[in-house]
Amino acid sequence: VHGEEIAHVISESRDVLEEMIDNCSRISPEIEQHLEYEMNRNKELEEILHTKETALEAMEARLEATEAKLQQTEDSHDLLQQNLLEVELVKNGLEAKVDKKRKELADKEEEIVKLKGHGGGQPIPNIDDLQEKFAKLEAKLEASQVNL
């Protein structure tokens, strides 16, 4: 009786083992197929990541170039501001000289009028020179204002 029981247990064990082998052989291709899918998906994700990293590097390079251009523009603006201040100082200096010359000319014209009044109406020979100098000074003033 003992032998029959052992034979029966061995028979059942063999059946269970055969069923397990069948299950394993059936499941194994599914697992392999799933693993292959996951590996392909992982490869796709790595390619996407690489593409995004490359794009990010390109964007960073463009940003650096833009920042450099901005700095250059700011430097140019500062230089232009400085040049404008220098031009303004020169302009103010020229205007002061012109004002001084106008005052001198007005004083001389006033002196001429006084001399004409006391000199019996005789013309003073330098009046034409003074008027010519005055006209030249006015022309220089206009030219310097146009240049500024």
N, C-alpha and C. Protein backbone atom coordinates (compact mmCIF):
# COMPACT_ATOMS: atom_id res chain seq x y z
N VAL A 1 0.84 -1.18 0.00
CA VAL A 1 0.00 0.00 0.00
C VAL A 1 0.89 1.25 0.00
N HIS A 2 1.94 1.11 0.68
CA HIS A 2 2.85 2.24 0.73
C HIS A 2 3.42 2.56 -0.63
N GLY A 3 3.71 1.59 -1.42
CA GLY A 3 4.27 1.77 -2.74
C GLY A 3 3.28 2.44 -3.67
N GLU A 4 1.99 2.04 -3.51
CA GLU A 4 0.97 2.65 -4.34
C GLU A 4 0.81 4.14 -4.00
N GLU A 5 0.85 4.45 -2.75
CA GLU A 5 0.74 5.85 -2.34
C GLU A 5 1.91 6.66 -2.88
N ILE A 6 3.08 6.11 -2.79
CA ILE A 6 4.26 6.82 -3.28
C ILE A 6 4.15 7.00 -4.79
N ALA A 7 3.70 5.97 -5.48
CA ALA A 7 3.55 6.06 -6.92
C ALA A 7 2.50 7.12 -7.27
N HIS A 8 1.43 7.13 -6.48
CA HIS A 8 0.38 8.12 -6.71
C HIS A 8 0.92 9.54 -6.47
N VAL A 9 1.66 9.75 -5.41
CA VAL A 9 2.24 11.07 -5.10
C VAL A 9 3.20 11.47 -6.20
N ILE A 10 4.01 10.49 -6.66
CA ILE A 10 4.96 10.79 -7.73
C ILE A 10 4.21 11.17 -8.99
N SER A 11 3.13 10.46 -9.28
CA SER A 11 2.33 10.74 -10.47
C SER A 11 1.71 12.14 -10.40
N GLU A 12 1.16 12.45 -9.22
CA GLU A 12 0.57 13.79 -9.05
C GLU A 12 1.65 14.87 -9.13
N SER A 13 2.81 14.61 -8.54
CA SER A 13 3.90 15.57 -8.59
C SER A 13 4.34 15.80 -10.02
N ARG A 14 4.41 14.69 -10.80
CA ARG A 14 4.80 14.82 -12.20
C ARG A 14 3.77 15.66 -12.94
N ASP A 15 2.48 15.43 -12.69
CA ASP A 15 1.44 16.21 -13.35
C ASP A 15 1.56 17.71 -13.02
N VAL A 16 1.79 17.98 -11.74
CA VAL A 16 1.93 19.38 -11.30
C VAL A 16 3.16 19.99 -11.94
N LEU A 17 4.26 19.25 -11.98
CA LEU A 17 5.48 19.76 -12.59
C LEU A 17 5.28 20.02 -14.09
N GLU A 18 4.60 19.13 -14.77
CA GLU A 18 4.34 19.32 -16.20
C GLU A 18 3.47 20.55 -16.43
N GLU A 19 2.48 20.71 -15.56
CA GLU A 19 1.62 21.89 -15.68
C GLU A 19 2.42 23.17 -15.43
N MET A 20 3.32 23.14 -14.44
CA MET A 20 4.17 24.31 -14.15
C MET A 20 5.08 24.61 -15.34
N ILE A 21 5.62 23.54 -15.92
CA ILE A 21 6.50 23.73 -17.09
C ILE A 21 5.70 24.33 -18.24
N ASP A 22 4.50 23.84 -18.46
CA ASP A 22 3.63 24.40 -19.52
C ASP A 22 3.36 25.88 -19.25
N ASN A 23 3.01 26.19 -17.99
CA ASN A 23 2.73 27.59 -17.63
C ASN A 23 3.96 28.47 -17.84
N CYS A 24 5.11 27.95 -17.43
CA CYS A 24 6.35 28.73 -17.59
C CYS A 24 6.65 28.94 -19.06
N SER A 25 6.51 27.93 -19.85
CA SER A 25 6.82 28.08 -21.27
C SER A 25 5.82 29.01 -21.95
N ARG A 26 4.59 29.07 -21.46
CA ARG A 26 3.58 29.96 -22.01
C ARG A 26 3.82 31.40 -21.52
N ILE A 27 4.19 31.58 -20.28
CA ILE A 27 4.39 32.90 -19.69
C ILE A 27 5.70 33.52 -20.17
N SER A 28 6.71 32.71 -20.35
CA SER A 28 8.02 33.21 -20.72
C SER A 28 7.99 34.08 -21.97
N PRO A 29 7.33 33.68 -23.08
CA PRO A 29 7.28 34.59 -24.24
C PRO A 29 6.56 35.90 -23.93
N GLU A 30 5.54 35.86 -23.11
CA GLU A 30 4.82 37.09 -22.73
C GLU A 30 5.75 38.02 -21.96
N ILE A 31 6.52 37.43 -21.05
CA ILE A 31 7.47 38.24 -20.27
C ILE A 31 8.53 38.83 -21.19
N GLU A 32 9.05 38.01 -22.09
CA GLU A 32 10.05 38.49 -23.03
C GLU A 32 9.48 39.60 -23.90
N GLN A 33 8.27 39.42 -24.36
CA GLN A 33 7.62 40.44 -25.19
C GLN A 33 7.44 41.74 -24.40
N HIS A 34 7.03 41.63 -23.16
CA HIS A 34 6.86 42.81 -22.31
C HIS A 34 8.21 43.48 -22.04
N LEU A 35 9.24 42.68 -21.77
CA LEU A 35 10.56 43.24 -21.54
C LEU A 35 11.07 43.96 -22.79
N GLU A 36 10.86 43.38 -23.94
CA GLU A 36 11.28 44.01 -25.19
C GLU A 36 10.55 45.33 -25.39
N TYR A 37 9.25 45.34 -25.10
CA TYR A 37 8.47 46.58 -25.19
C TYR A 37 9.05 47.64 -24.25
N GLU A 38 9.32 47.25 -23.02
CA GLU A 38 9.85 48.19 -22.03
C GLU A 38 11.23 48.71 -22.45
N MET A 39 12.06 47.82 -23.01
CA MET A 39 13.38 48.25 -23.45
C MET A 39 13.26 49.23 -24.62
N ASN A 40 12.36 48.96 -25.55
CA ASN A 40 12.14 49.88 -26.67
C ASN A 40 11.61 51.23 -26.18
N ARG A 41 10.68 51.16 -25.23
CA ARG A 41 10.12 52.40 -24.67
C ARG A 41 11.21 53.19 -23.95
N ASN A 42 12.05 52.49 -23.22
CA ASN A 42 13.15 53.14 -22.51
C ASN A 42 14.10 53.81 -23.52
N LYS A 43 14.37 53.13 -24.62
CA LYS A 43 15.23 53.69 -25.65
C LYS A 43 14.60 54.95 -26.25
N GLU A 44 13.30 54.91 -26.51
CA GLU A 44 12.58 56.09 -27.03
C GLU A 44 12.67 57.25 -26.05
N LEU A 45 12.48 56.94 -24.76
CA LEU A 45 12.54 58.00 -23.74
C LEU A 45 13.95 58.59 -23.66
N GLU A 46 14.96 57.75 -23.80
CA GLU A 46 16.34 58.26 -23.78
C GLU A 46 16.58 59.18 -24.98
N GLU A 47 16.04 58.81 -26.15
CA GLU A 47 16.18 59.65 -27.34
C GLU A 47 15.46 60.98 -27.15
N ILE A 48 14.28 60.93 -26.57
CA ILE A 48 13.52 62.16 -26.30
C ILE A 48 14.30 63.03 -25.33
N LEU A 49 14.84 62.43 -24.29
CA LEU A 49 15.63 63.17 -23.30
C LEU A 49 16.85 63.81 -23.96
N HIS A 50 17.53 63.05 -24.81
CA HIS A 50 18.70 63.58 -25.50
C HIS A 50 18.32 64.77 -26.39
N THR A 51 17.20 64.64 -27.10
CA THR A 51 16.72 65.72 -27.96
C THR A 51 16.42 66.97 -27.13
N LYS A 52 15.76 66.77 -26.01
CA LYS A 52 15.41 67.91 -25.15
C LYS A 52 16.66 68.55 -24.55
N GLU A 53 17.65 67.73 -24.18
CA GLU A 53 18.90 68.27 -23.65
C GLU A 53 19.62 69.09 -24.71
N THR A 54 19.62 68.58 -25.95
CA THR A 54 20.26 69.31 -27.05
C THR A 54 19.55 70.64 -27.29
N ALA A 55 18.23 70.60 -27.28
CA ALA A 55 17.45 71.84 -27.47
C ALA A 55 17.73 72.82 -26.33
N LEU A 56 17.83 72.32 -25.12
CA LEU A 56 18.10 73.17 -23.97
C LEU A 56 19.48 73.81 -24.10
N GLU A 57 20.47 73.04 -24.54
CA GLU A 57 21.81 73.60 -24.73
C GLU A 57 21.78 74.70 -25.79
N ALA A 58 21.03 74.47 -26.87
CA ALA A 58 20.92 75.49 -27.92
C ALA A 58 20.25 76.75 -27.37
N MET A 59 19.21 76.57 -26.57
CA MET A 59 18.51 77.72 -25.99
C MET A 59 19.44 78.48 -25.03
N GLU A 60 20.23 77.74 -24.26
CA GLU A 60 21.17 78.39 -23.35
C GLU A 60 22.20 79.20 -24.14
N ALA A 61 22.67 78.65 -25.25
CA ALA A 61 23.64 79.37 -26.09
C ALA A 61 23.00 80.64 -26.65
N ARG A 62 21.75 80.55 -27.11
CA ARG A 62 21.06 81.74 -27.63
C ARG A 62 20.86 82.76 -26.52
N LEU A 63 20.54 82.29 -25.34
CA LEU A 63 20.35 83.20 -24.21
C LEU A 63 21.66 83.93 -23.89
N GLU A 64 22.77 83.20 -23.89
CA GLU A 64 24.06 83.83 -23.63
C GLU A 64 24.37 84.87 -24.70
N ALA A 65 24.09 84.53 -25.96
CA ALA A 65 24.34 85.48 -27.06
C ALA A 65 23.46 86.72 -26.90
N THR A 66 22.20 86.51 -26.53
CA THR A 66 21.29 87.63 -26.33
C THR A 66 21.75 88.51 -25.17
N GLU A 67 22.20 87.87 -24.09
CA GLU A 67 22.70 88.65 -22.95
C GLU A 67 23.94 89.45 -23.34
N ALA A 68 24.81 88.85 -24.15
CA ALA A 68 26.01 89.57 -24.61
C ALA A 68 25.62 90.77 -25.47
N LYS A 69 24.64 90.57 -26.37
CA LYS A 69 24.17 91.68 -27.20
C LYS A 69 23.54 92.77 -26.34
N LEU A 70 22.78 92.36 -25.34
CA LEU A 70 22.16 93.34 -24.45
C LEU A 70 23.22 94.15 -23.71
N GLN A 71 24.26 93.46 -23.23
CA GLN A 71 25.34 94.16 -22.53
C GLN A 71 26.03 95.13 -23.48
N GLN A 72 26.26 94.69 -24.72
CA GLN A 72 26.89 95.54 -25.72
C GLN A 72 26.01 96.76 -25.99
N THR A 73 24.70 96.55 -26.09
CA THR A 73 23.77 97.65 -26.32
C THR A 73 23.79 98.62 -25.14
N GLU A 74 23.81 98.08 -23.93
CA GLU A 74 23.86 98.95 -22.74
C GLU A 74 25.15 99.74 -22.72
N ASP A 75 26.27 99.08 -23.08
CA ASP A 75 27.56 99.79 -23.11
C ASP A 75 27.53 100.90 -24.17
N SER A 76 26.96 100.59 -25.34
CA SER A 76 26.85 101.60 -26.39
C SER A 76 25.97 102.76 -25.93
N HIS A 77 24.88 102.43 -25.26
CA HIS A 77 23.98 103.47 -24.74
C HIS A 77 24.72 104.36 -23.75
N ASP A 78 25.49 103.74 -22.85
CA ASP A 78 26.25 104.53 -21.88
C ASP A 78 27.25 105.44 -22.58
N LEU A 79 27.92 104.89 -23.61
CA LEU A 79 28.90 105.69 -24.35
C LEU A 79 28.21 106.85 -25.06
N LEU A 80 27.04 106.57 -25.65
CA LEU A 80 26.29 107.64 -26.32
C LEU A 80 25.86 108.71 -25.32
N GLN A 81 25.45 108.29 -24.14
CA GLN A 81 25.06 109.25 -23.10
C GLN A 81 26.25 110.13 -22.73
N GLN A 82 27.41 109.49 -22.59
CA GLN A 82 28.62 110.24 -22.23
C GLN A 82 28.97 111.22 -23.36
N ASN A 83 28.90 110.74 -24.60
CA ASN A 83 29.18 111.62 -25.75
C ASN A 83 28.20 112.78 -25.80
N LEU A 84 26.94 112.49 -25.53
CA LEU A 84 25.92 113.53 -25.54
C LEU A 84 26.22 114.60 -24.49
N LEU A 85 26.65 114.16 -23.30
CA LEU A 85 27.00 115.12 -22.25
C LEU A 85 28.19 115.99 -22.69
N GLU A 86 29.18 115.34 -23.32
CA GLU A 86 30.35 116.10 -23.79
C GLU A 86 29.94 117.10 -24.87
N VAL A 87 29.07 116.68 -25.78
CA VAL A 87 28.60 117.59 -26.83
C VAL A 87 27.82 118.74 -26.21
N GLU A 88 27.02 118.42 -25.21
CA GLU A 88 26.24 119.46 -24.53
C GLU A 88 27.17 120.48 -23.86
N LEU A 89 28.25 119.99 -23.25
CA LEU A 89 29.22 120.91 -22.64
C LEU A 89 29.88 121.79 -23.70
N VAL A 90 30.28 121.20 -24.82
CA VAL A 90 30.88 121.98 -25.90
C VAL A 90 29.88 123.01 -26.42
N LYS A 91 28.63 122.57 -26.61
CA LYS A 91 27.57 123.47 -27.10
C LYS A 91 27.40 124.64 -26.14
N ASN A 92 27.33 124.33 -24.83
CA ASN A 92 27.17 125.40 -23.84
C ASN A 92 28.34 126.36 -23.88
N GLY A 93 29.55 125.81 -24.06
CA GLY A 93 30.74 126.67 -24.15
C GLY A 93 30.68 127.57 -25.37
N LEU A 94 30.25 126.98 -26.51
CA LEU A 94 30.14 127.79 -27.73
C LEU A 94 29.06 128.86 -27.60
N GLU A 95 27.95 128.47 -26.99
CA GLU A 95 26.87 129.45 -26.81
C GLU A 95 27.32 130.59 -25.90
N ALA A 96 28.11 130.25 -24.88
CA ALA A 96 28.62 131.29 -23.98
C ALA A 96 29.55 132.23 -24.75
N LYS A 97 30.41 131.65 -25.62
CA LYS A 97 31.31 132.49 -26.43
C LYS A 97 30.51 133.39 -27.37
N VAL A 98 29.48 132.81 -28.00
CA VAL A 98 28.65 133.58 -28.92
C VAL A 98 27.95 134.71 -28.16
N ASP A 99 27.41 134.38 -26.97
CA ASP A 99 26.74 135.42 -26.17
C ASP A 99 27.72 136.54 -25.81
N LYS A 100 28.94 136.14 -25.47
CA LYS A 100 29.96 137.13 -25.11
C LYS A 100 30.27 138.01 -26.33
N LYS A 101 30.42 137.38 -27.50
CA LYS A 101 30.71 138.14 -28.72
C LYS A 101 29.53 139.04 -29.08
N ARG A 102 28.32 138.55 -28.90
CA ARG A 102 27.14 139.39 -29.18
C ARG A 102 27.13 140.61 -28.28
N LYS A 103 27.46 140.39 -27.00
CA LYS A 103 27.48 141.50 -26.06
C LYS A 103 28.56 142.50 -26.46
N GLU A 104 29.75 141.95 -26.82
CA GLU A 104 30.83 142.84 -27.26
C GLU A 104 30.39 143.62 -28.50
N LEU A 105 29.74 142.93 -29.44
CA LEU A 105 29.28 143.58 -30.66
C LEU A 105 28.21 144.63 -30.35
N ALA A 106 27.29 144.27 -29.46
CA ALA A 106 26.25 145.24 -29.08
C ALA A 106 26.88 146.46 -28.42
N ASP A 107 27.89 146.21 -27.56
CA ASP A 107 28.58 147.34 -26.92
C ASP A 107 29.27 148.21 -27.96
N LYS A 108 29.90 147.57 -28.96
CA LYS A 108 30.60 148.33 -30.01
C LYS A 108 29.60 149.08 -30.87
N GLU A 109 28.46 148.43 -31.16
CA GLU A 109 27.43 149.13 -31.94
C GLU A 109 26.91 150.34 -31.18
N GLU A 110 26.74 150.14 -29.88
CA GLU A 110 26.28 151.26 -29.04
C GLU A 110 27.33 152.37 -29.05
N GLU A 111 28.58 151.97 -28.98
CA GLU A 111 29.67 152.95 -29.00
C GLU A 111 29.70 153.67 -30.35
N ILE A 112 29.43 152.92 -31.43
CA ILE A 112 29.41 153.51 -32.76
C ILE A 112 28.27 154.53 -32.87
N VAL A 113 27.12 154.14 -32.34
CA VAL A 113 25.98 155.06 -32.38
C VAL A 113 26.32 156.34 -31.63
N LYS A 114 26.99 156.18 -30.49
CA LYS A 114 27.37 157.37 -29.71
C LYS A 114 28.37 158.22 -30.47
N LEU A 115 29.34 157.52 -31.12
CA LEU A 115 30.36 158.26 -31.87
C LEU A 115 29.74 158.97 -33.06
N LYS A 116 28.81 158.30 -33.73
CA LYS A 116 28.14 158.94 -34.86
C LYS A 116 27.38 160.17 -34.41
N GLY A 117 26.78 160.04 -33.26
CA GLY A 117 26.02 161.17 -32.73
C GLY A 117 26.92 162.33 -32.37
N HIS A 118 28.15 162.08 -31.92
CA HIS A 118 29.06 163.15 -31.50
C HIS A 118 30.03 163.54 -32.59
N GLY A 119 30.13 162.71 -33.62
CA GLY A 119 31.14 162.98 -34.64
C GLY A 119 30.61 163.75 -35.83
N GLY A 120 29.45 164.29 -35.74
CA GLY A 120 28.92 165.08 -36.83
C GLY A 120 28.46 164.23 -37.99
N GLY A 121 28.17 162.97 -37.74
CA GLY A 121 27.64 162.11 -38.80
C GLY A 121 28.71 161.52 -39.69
N GLN A 122 29.97 161.68 -39.33
CA GLN A 122 31.02 161.09 -40.15
C GLN A 122 31.08 159.58 -39.89
N PRO A 123 31.12 158.78 -40.96
CA PRO A 123 31.15 157.33 -40.77
C PRO A 123 32.48 156.87 -40.18
N ILE A 124 32.39 155.87 -39.40
CA ILE A 124 33.60 155.28 -38.82
C ILE A 124 34.01 154.14 -39.73
N PRO A 125 35.27 154.08 -40.15
CA PRO A 125 35.67 153.10 -41.15
C PRO A 125 35.55 151.65 -40.70
N ASN A 126 35.56 151.36 -39.43
CA ASN A 126 35.55 149.96 -38.95
C ASN A 126 34.14 149.37 -38.83
N ILE A 127 33.11 150.14 -39.06
CA ILE A 127 31.74 149.61 -38.87
C ILE A 127 31.44 148.47 -39.82
N ASP A 128 31.91 148.56 -41.05
CA ASP A 128 31.67 147.46 -42.00
C ASP A 128 32.36 146.18 -41.53
N ASP A 129 33.58 146.35 -41.01
CA ASP A 129 34.30 145.18 -40.48
C ASP A 129 33.54 144.55 -39.31
N LEU A 130 33.02 145.38 -38.44
CA LEU A 130 32.29 144.87 -37.27
C LEU A 130 31.02 144.15 -37.70
N GLN A 131 30.31 144.69 -38.67
CA GLN A 131 29.09 144.04 -39.14
C GLN A 131 29.41 142.70 -39.83
N GLU A 132 30.51 142.68 -40.55
CA GLU A 132 30.92 141.43 -41.22
C GLU A 132 31.29 140.37 -40.17
N LYS A 133 32.02 140.79 -39.13
CA LYS A 133 32.39 139.85 -38.05
C LYS A 133 31.14 139.33 -37.35
N PHE A 134 30.19 140.22 -37.12
CA PHE A 134 28.94 139.81 -36.48
C PHE A 134 28.20 138.78 -37.34
N ALA A 135 28.14 139.00 -38.63
CA ALA A 135 27.47 138.06 -39.53
C ALA A 135 28.19 136.71 -39.52
N LYS A 136 29.51 136.72 -39.50
CA LYS A 136 30.28 135.47 -39.46
C LYS A 136 30.02 134.72 -38.15
N LEU A 137 29.98 135.45 -37.05
CA LEU A 137 29.71 134.82 -35.75
C LEU A 137 28.32 134.18 -35.73
N GLU A 138 27.34 134.87 -36.28
CA GLU A 138 26.00 134.30 -36.33
C GLU A 138 25.97 133.04 -37.19
N ALA A 139 26.70 133.05 -38.30
CA ALA A 139 26.76 131.87 -39.18
C ALA A 139 27.43 130.70 -38.45
N LYS A 140 28.50 130.99 -37.70
CA LYS A 140 29.17 129.92 -36.93
C LYS A 140 28.24 129.35 -35.86
N LEU A 141 27.48 130.22 -35.21
CA LEU A 141 26.53 129.77 -34.20
C LEU A 141 25.50 128.85 -34.82
N GLU A 142 24.93 129.25 -35.94
CA GLU A 142 23.93 128.42 -36.61
C GLU A 142 24.53 127.07 -37.02
N ALA A 143 25.75 127.10 -37.54
CA ALA A 143 26.41 125.85 -37.97
C ALA A 143 26.66 124.93 -36.79
N SER A 144 27.10 125.52 -35.67
CA SER A 144 27.38 124.66 -34.50
C SER A 144 26.09 124.12 -33.92
N GLN A 145 25.00 124.87 -33.97
CA GLN A 145 23.73 124.36 -33.48
C GLN A 145 23.21 123.25 -34.39
N VAL A 146 23.42 123.36 -35.69
CA VAL A 146 23.01 122.31 -36.62
C VAL A 146 23.83 121.05 -36.35
N ASN A 147 25.12 121.20 -36.12
CA ASN A 147 25.99 120.05 -35.85
C ASN A 147 25.64 119.35 -34.54
N LEU A 148 25.16 120.12 -33.58
CA LEU A 148 24.80 119.50 -32.30
C LEU A 148 23.50 118.79 -32.45
